[in-house]
Amino acid sequence: MSRRREGPEERSAEPVALGEVLEGLLARRAFAAGVPIATLATRWPEVVGARLAEATEPASLEHGVLVVRADDGPWGAQARFLAEAIRARADEALGGGVVRTVRVVVGEGPEPRNRRSKA
């Protein structure tokens, strides 16, 4: 049986402004950690270019390390070659001071839902 934890703001029957809800969510560390990677995912073609964006994706961003997932070895090599440019453009897309380094991995993890099928 799962228990739902309710804070004082969740017990009120009064309507809450959307801005207050968003501020509360962003204050939670797990939610806030996902915002930069979601921003990069949305802006990925402008960060790496249209063709490389079809073969790579931002997989995670933790402690300044952006992990880029490539579909296969040749695209992984291309992303590694461009790692510093990717780091600089990704950092700029996030407002600066966020991305310190880029690590490229090849073919790890499940296929994201928003990626095109290779059929």
Protein backbone atom coordinates (compact mmCIF):
# COMPACT_ATOMS: atom_id res chain seq x y z
CA MET A 1 0.00 0.00 0.00
CA SER A 2 1.46 3.35 -1.01
CA ARG A 3 1.11 6.45 1.08
CA ARG A 4 0.75 9.86 -0.42
CA ARG A 5 2.59 12.57 1.43
CA GLU A 6 0.70 15.81 1.55
CA GLY A 7 2.15 19.15 2.42
CA PRO A 8 0.14 22.04 3.83
CA GLU A 9 -0.34 23.52 0.36
CA GLU A 10 -1.83 20.25 -0.92
CA ARG A 11 -4.46 20.03 1.80
CA SER A 12 -6.17 23.28 0.87
CA ALA A 13 -9.31 23.20 -1.23
CA GLU A 14 -8.52 26.69 -2.50
CA PRO A 15 -7.23 27.10 -6.07
CA VAL A 16 -3.50 27.65 -6.40
CA ALA A 17 -1.86 29.81 -9.06
CA LEU A 18 0.03 27.89 -11.72
CA GLY A 19 3.18 29.90 -10.97
CA GLU A 20 3.10 28.71 -7.35
CA VAL A 21 2.75 25.10 -8.48
CA LEU A 22 5.68 25.43 -10.87
CA GLU A 23 7.85 27.09 -8.22
CA GLY A 24 7.07 24.20 -5.87
CA LEU A 25 7.97 21.63 -8.51
CA LEU A 26 11.21 23.39 -9.44
CA ALA A 27 12.18 23.49 -5.78
CA ARG A 28 12.16 19.69 -5.78
CA ARG A 29 15.60 18.56 -6.81
CA ALA A 30 14.55 15.61 -9.00
CA PHE A 31 12.21 17.74 -11.09
CA ALA A 32 14.63 20.64 -11.42
CA ALA A 33 17.42 18.28 -12.57
CA GLY A 34 15.33 17.24 -15.56
CA VAL A 35 14.70 20.77 -16.83
CA PRO A 36 18.15 21.35 -18.42
CA ILE A 37 18.17 18.00 -20.25
CA ALA A 38 14.64 18.62 -21.49
CA THR A 39 15.75 22.04 -22.75
CA LEU A 40 18.69 20.46 -24.58
CA ALA A 41 16.49 17.73 -26.07
CA THR A 42 14.17 20.39 -27.45
CA ARG A 43 17.02 22.47 -28.86
CA TRP A 44 19.30 19.58 -29.88
CA PRO A 45 19.18 20.19 -33.68
CA GLU A 46 20.26 23.79 -33.17
CA VAL A 47 23.01 22.69 -30.72
CA VAL A 48 24.60 19.97 -32.91
CA GLY A 49 23.10 20.50 -36.35
CA ALA A 50 20.22 18.66 -38.03
CA ARG A 51 22.14 15.62 -39.30
CA LEU A 52 24.04 14.88 -36.09
CA ALA A 53 20.81 15.44 -34.11
CA GLU A 54 19.23 12.54 -36.04
CA ALA A 55 21.97 10.17 -34.84
CA THR A 56 22.61 11.49 -31.32
CA GLU A 57 20.71 12.76 -28.31
CA PRO A 58 21.42 14.34 -24.94
CA ALA A 59 21.00 11.43 -22.50
CA SER A 60 21.76 13.05 -19.15
CA LEU A 61 23.32 16.06 -17.51
CA GLU A 62 24.66 15.64 -14.00
CA HIS A 63 27.35 17.59 -12.17
CA GLY A 64 28.32 19.42 -15.36
CA VAL A 65 28.80 16.23 -17.41
CA LEU A 66 26.60 16.04 -20.50
CA VAL A 67 26.23 12.46 -21.70
CA VAL A 68 25.48 12.25 -25.41
CA ARG A 69 24.13 8.96 -26.76
CA ALA A 70 25.07 8.09 -30.36
CA ASP A 71 23.29 5.50 -32.49
CA ASP A 72 26.47 3.75 -33.64
CA GLY A 73 30.27 3.89 -33.64
CA PRO A 74 30.80 6.26 -36.57
CA TRP A 75 28.33 8.80 -35.16
CA GLY A 76 29.92 8.35 -31.73
CA ALA A 77 33.32 9.15 -33.24
CA GLN A 78 31.87 12.25 -34.92
CA ALA A 79 30.31 13.41 -31.65
CA ARG A 80 33.62 12.82 -29.80
CA PHE A 81 35.46 14.82 -32.45
CA LEU A 82 32.98 17.68 -31.95
CA ALA A 83 32.74 17.29 -28.15
CA GLU A 84 34.17 20.71 -27.30
CA ALA A 85 31.90 22.48 -29.79
CA ILE A 86 28.92 20.49 -28.45
CA ARG A 87 29.88 21.43 -24.90
CA ALA A 88 30.14 25.12 -25.73
CA ARG A 89 26.86 25.27 -27.68
CA ALA A 90 24.95 23.17 -25.12
CA ASP A 91 26.27 25.36 -22.31
CA GLU A 92 25.22 28.47 -24.23
CA ALA A 93 21.74 27.00 -24.82
CA LEU A 94 21.39 26.55 -21.05
CA GLY A 95 22.58 30.03 -20.17
CA GLY A 96 26.24 29.32 -19.41
CA GLY A 97 28.14 27.72 -16.55
CA VAL A 98 26.21 24.43 -16.68
CA VAL A 99 28.03 22.05 -19.06
CA ARG A 100 31.69 21.46 -18.16
CA THR A 101 32.40 18.38 -20.27
CA VAL A 102 30.80 16.01 -22.78
CA ARG A 103 30.95 12.23 -22.60
CA VAL A 104 29.79 10.24 -25.63
CA VAL A 105 28.32 6.75 -25.32
CA VAL A 106 27.24 4.50 -28.17
CA GLY A 107 23.93 2.65 -28.27
CA GLU A 108 23.24 2.43 -24.52
CA GLY A 109 19.76 2.40 -23.04
CA PRO A 110 16.28 2.23 -24.49
CA GLU A 111 15.27 4.08 -27.64
CA PRO A 112 13.59 7.37 -26.72
CA ARG A 113 9.96 7.68 -27.75
CA ASN A 114 10.49 10.86 -29.75
CA ARG A 115 13.25 9.49 -32.00
CA ARG A 116 12.43 8.37 -35.52
CA SER A 117 12.26 4.65 -36.24
CA LYS A 118 15.06 3.27 -38.39
CA ALA A 119 12.78 0.84 -40.26
